[in-house]
Amino acid sequence: MSEQEIFDKIAAIIADRFELTQDQVTNELNFKADLDADSIDIVEFVLELEDTFGAEIPDEEAEKIATVADAVAYIKAKTK
C-alpha cells in the first residue's frame, strides 16, 4: 500500500470522526492542537486505525502519534 493510499484512508477516518472535509486534512494536522481531540478521541481513532489497517498499535506507540504524518508513517512501517 502506498503512502498516498494510507494517507487517503486516514484522512477519510479523520474527516468522518472529526466532521471535516477530506481536503481539510493535511500531514501537519495535529490531533490535540488542531482538532482539540481528547484522550477518548485519540483512543477511538487508534482503534479505528487498527481495524482499518489490521495493525495492532500498543498504547506507548499510540501516544507518539500526534499528527497525520505520524499516523501515516506508523502504518506504513507496520504494513510493509
Protein backbone atom coordinates (compact mmCIF):
# COMPACT_ATOMS: atom_id res chain seq x y z
CA MET A 1 0.00 0.00 0.00
CA SER A 2 1.41 3.37 -1.00
CA GLU A 3 1.88 6.28 1.36
CA GLN A 4 -0.83 8.18 -0.56
CA GLU A 5 -3.31 5.30 -0.15
CA ILE A 6 -2.58 5.18 3.59
CA PHE A 7 -3.00 8.96 3.85
CA ASP A 8 -6.31 8.82 1.95
CA LYS A 9 -7.72 6.16 4.28
CA ILE A 10 -6.55 8.02 7.39
CA ALA A 11 -7.93 11.30 6.00
CA ALA A 12 -11.31 9.62 5.47
CA ILE A 13 -11.33 8.35 9.09
CA ILE A 14 -10.41 11.80 10.43
CA ALA A 15 -12.92 13.59 8.21
CA ASP A 16 -15.68 11.29 9.41
CA ARG A 17 -14.71 11.28 13.09
CA PHE A 18 -13.95 15.00 13.45
CA GLU A 19 -16.53 16.35 10.97
CA LEU A 20 -14.09 17.79 8.44
CA THR A 21 -13.86 17.51 4.69
CA GLN A 22 -11.04 15.33 3.43
CA ASP A 23 -9.33 18.31 1.80
CA GLN A 24 -9.01 19.92 5.25
CA VAL A 25 -6.84 17.01 6.39
CA THR A 26 -3.11 17.62 5.90
CA ASN A 27 0.03 15.82 7.07
CA GLU A 28 0.69 18.64 9.54
CA LEU A 29 -2.75 18.37 11.19
CA ASN A 30 -2.23 17.83 14.93
CA PHE A 31 -4.92 15.84 16.70
CA LYS A 32 -4.75 17.71 20.00
CA ALA A 33 -3.78 21.22 18.86
CA ASP A 34 -5.82 21.45 15.65
CA LEU A 35 -8.75 19.13 16.33
CA ASP A 36 -8.96 19.64 20.09
CA ALA A 37 -9.05 15.84 20.44
CA ASP A 38 -9.16 14.48 23.97
CA SER A 39 -7.76 11.14 25.13
CA ILE A 40 -11.02 9.32 24.32
CA ASP A 41 -11.00 10.74 20.77
CA ILE A 42 -7.42 9.55 20.35
CA VAL A 43 -8.18 6.04 21.65
CA GLU A 44 -11.19 5.74 19.34
CA PHE A 45 -9.12 6.97 16.40
CA VAL A 46 -6.35 4.46 17.15
CA LEU A 47 -8.90 1.63 17.40
CA GLU A 48 -10.28 2.63 14.01
CA LEU A 49 -6.75 2.66 12.57
CA GLU A 50 -6.22 -0.85 13.94
CA ASP A 51 -9.47 -2.06 12.36
CA THR A 52 -8.81 -0.36 9.03
CA PHE A 53 -5.22 -1.47 8.60
CA GLY A 54 -5.16 -4.70 10.62
CA ALA A 55 -2.22 -3.47 12.69
CA GLU A 56 -2.14 -3.54 16.47
CA ILE A 57 -0.89 -0.27 17.93
CA PRO A 58 0.41 -0.55 21.51
CA ASP A 59 -0.56 2.27 23.87
CA GLU A 60 3.01 3.53 24.19
CA GLU A 61 3.25 3.77 20.39
CA ALA A 62 -0.19 5.40 20.09
CA GLU A 63 0.93 8.16 22.45
CA LYS A 64 3.64 9.13 19.94
CA ILE A 65 1.12 9.69 17.13
CA ALA A 66 0.44 13.42 17.28
CA THR A 67 -0.07 14.35 13.63
CA VAL A 68 -1.50 12.82 10.48
CA ALA A 69 2.07 12.38 9.20
CA ASP A 70 2.92 10.39 12.36
CA ALA A 71 -0.07 8.11 11.77
CA VAL A 72 0.83 7.60 8.09
CA ALA A 73 4.48 6.81 8.93
CA TYR A 74 3.49 4.37 11.67
CA ILE A 75 1.01 2.49 9.47
CA LYS A 76 3.43 2.43 6.55
CA ALA A 77 6.14 0.91 8.76
CA LYS A 78 3.75 -1.71 10.16
CA THR A 79 2.16 -2.80 6.86
CA LYS A 80 5.28 -3.47 4.80
